[in-house]
Protein backbone atom coordinates (compact mmCIF):
# COMPACT_ATOMS: atom_id res chain seq x y z
CA TRP A 1 -12.52 11.25 4.74
CA LYS A 2 -15.65 9.67 3.40
CA LYS A 3 -19.02 9.96 5.09
CA LYS A 4 -20.03 6.95 7.11
CA LYS A 5 -22.28 4.75 5.05
CA LYS A 6 -25.71 3.80 6.30
CA VAL A 7 -25.62 0.22 7.56
CA THR A 8 -27.64 -1.88 5.17
CA LYS A 9 -27.67 -5.57 4.41
CA LYS A 10 -25.50 -4.85 1.36
CA ASN A 11 -22.97 -2.81 3.39
CA HIS A 12 -22.96 -5.47 6.10
CA LEU A 13 -22.24 -8.14 3.50
CA ILE A 14 -19.42 -6.03 2.03
CA ASN A 15 -17.93 -5.64 5.51
CA LEU A 16 -18.10 -9.38 6.11
CA VAL A 17 -16.35 -10.05 2.80
CA LEU A 18 -13.67 -7.51 3.68
CA GLU A 19 -13.15 -9.14 7.06
CA VAL A 20 -12.57 -12.45 5.30
CA LEU A 21 -10.12 -10.74 2.94
CA PHE A 22 -8.27 -9.21 5.90
CA ALA A 23 -8.13 -12.58 7.62
CA THR A 24 -6.71 -14.27 4.53
CA LEU A 25 -4.50 -11.39 3.42
CA LYS A 26 -1.28 -12.75 4.87
CA LYS A 27 -2.11 -16.33 3.99
CA ASP A 28 -3.47 -15.80 0.51
CA THR A 29 -2.21 -12.63 -1.16
CA TYR A 30 1.52 -13.16 -0.65
CA PRO A 31 1.45 -16.63 -2.25
CA ARG A 32 -0.55 -15.12 -5.13
CA ILE A 33 2.21 -12.56 -5.62
CA LEU A 34 4.83 -15.28 -5.47
CA MET A 35 2.83 -17.24 -8.03
CA GLU A 36 2.80 -14.10 -10.16
CA GLU A 37 -0.94 -13.67 -9.92
CA TYR A 38 -0.45 -9.94 -9.62
CA GLU A 39 -3.80 -8.96 -11.04
CA MET A 40 -5.71 -10.83 -8.34
CA ALA A 41 -3.51 -9.41 -5.58
CA GLU A 42 -3.89 -5.91 -7.02
CA MET A 43 -7.67 -6.29 -7.13
CA ILE A 44 -7.76 -7.41 -3.48
CA TYR A 45 -5.57 -4.54 -2.27
CA LEU A 46 -7.50 -1.93 -4.27
CA LYS A 47 -10.80 -3.22 -2.87
CA ILE A 48 -9.44 -3.06 0.66
CA ILE A 49 -8.18 0.50 0.08
CA GLU A 50 -11.53 1.51 -1.39
CA ASN A 51 -13.43 0.21 1.63
CA ARG A 52 -10.86 0.87 4.37
CA PRO A 53 -8.89 3.93 3.22
CA SER A 54 -7.06 4.24 6.53
CA TYR A 55 -5.57 0.70 6.39
CA LEU A 56 -2.02 1.71 5.48
CA MET A 57 -0.63 -1.81 5.16
CA ALA A 58 -2.83 -2.39 2.09
CA TYR A 59 -1.27 0.67 0.43
CA ASN A 60 2.19 -0.46 1.49
CA ARG A 61 1.77 -4.01 0.21
CA LEU A 62 0.25 -2.76 -3.05
CA ALA A 63 3.10 -0.31 -3.58
CA ASN A 64 5.69 -3.01 -2.83
CA MET A 65 3.97 -5.28 -5.32
CA TYR A 66 4.29 -2.51 -7.92
CA ILE A 67 8.03 -2.30 -7.19
CA LYS A 68 8.28 -6.05 -7.74
CA THR A 69 6.44 -5.72 -11.08
CA GLU A 70 8.60 -2.70 -11.99
CA ASP A 71 5.63 -0.30 -12.15
CA TYR A 72 7.48 2.43 -10.28
CA LYS A 73 5.02 5.24 -11.09
CA LYS A 74 2.21 3.36 -9.34
CA ALA A 75 4.48 2.43 -6.44
CA ILE A 76 5.38 6.10 -5.97
CA ARG A 77 1.72 7.08 -6.11
CA TYR A 78 0.69 4.69 -3.35
CA PHE A 79 3.68 5.41 -1.11
CA LYS A 80 2.86 9.12 -1.38
CA GLU A 81 -0.77 8.39 -0.51
CA ILE A 82 0.44 6.68 2.66
CA LEU A 83 2.34 9.81 3.64
CA THR A 84 -0.69 12.05 3.07
CA ILE A 85 -2.59 9.86 5.55
CA ASN A 86 0.27 9.36 8.02
CA PRO A 87 3.59 11.20 7.49
CA GLU A 88 5.13 9.13 10.30
CA PHE A 89 4.80 5.82 8.40
CA HIS A 90 8.55 5.59 7.87
CA ARG A 91 8.46 2.52 5.60
CA ALA A 92 6.81 4.67 2.92
CA TYR A 93 9.94 6.84 2.78
CA LEU A 94 12.07 3.77 2.12
CA GLY A 95 9.60 2.57 -0.52
CA LEU A 96 9.73 5.97 -2.22
CA ALA A 97 13.53 5.96 -2.13
CA ILE A 98 13.69 2.51 -3.71
CA SER A 99 11.05 3.41 -6.30
CA PHE A 100 12.75 6.63 -7.33
CA ASP A 101 16.12 4.85 -7.41
CA LYS A 102 14.77 2.12 -9.69
CA TYR A 103 12.98 4.79 -11.77
CA GLU A 104 16.41 6.48 -12.12
CA HIS A 105 15.46 9.68 -10.32
CA ARG A 106 18.55 9.66 -8.13
CA ASN A 107 18.09 13.06 -6.44
CA GLU A 108 14.57 12.17 -5.33
CA ALA A 109 15.84 8.76 -4.19
CA LYS A 110 18.56 10.37 -2.06
CA ARG A 111 16.03 12.77 -0.54
CA TYR A 112 13.72 9.94 0.51
CA TYR A 113 16.58 7.71 1.75
CA LYS A 114 17.61 10.61 3.99
CA LYS A 115 14.03 11.09 5.25
CA TYR A 116 13.74 7.36 5.89
CA LEU A 117 16.92 7.33 7.97
CA GLU A 118 15.74 10.36 9.95
CA LYS A 119 12.31 8.80 10.60
CA ASP A 120 13.72 5.33 11.29
CA PHE A 121 15.99 6.62 14.02
CA ILE A 122 13.13 8.55 15.61
CA ASN A 123 10.72 5.58 15.56
């Protein structure tokens, strides 16, 4: 975990910008992905992760975007990061299973499908 930053005008402005990004995330980023503006969506998610590292949905949406763009290595990386923060985030197991399956690592895919099913029934 990062140290808390001293509240300055610059940090306050960054937080305000992030709040606007969070507010528009569902309205703005998904259409950008649908319009294949992946670079902009990636930049937004990475900025959110940088400034709010505990916001798991940003990791999840970024990783799912990487699946859509067939960048399975990056998808795997971000799904694994989710699990280091919260091993109970069961959607990450499904994302890993799909990523490994698409990446043609079938044994890893099976392992994560199994973990997803176990976690999904618990949650």
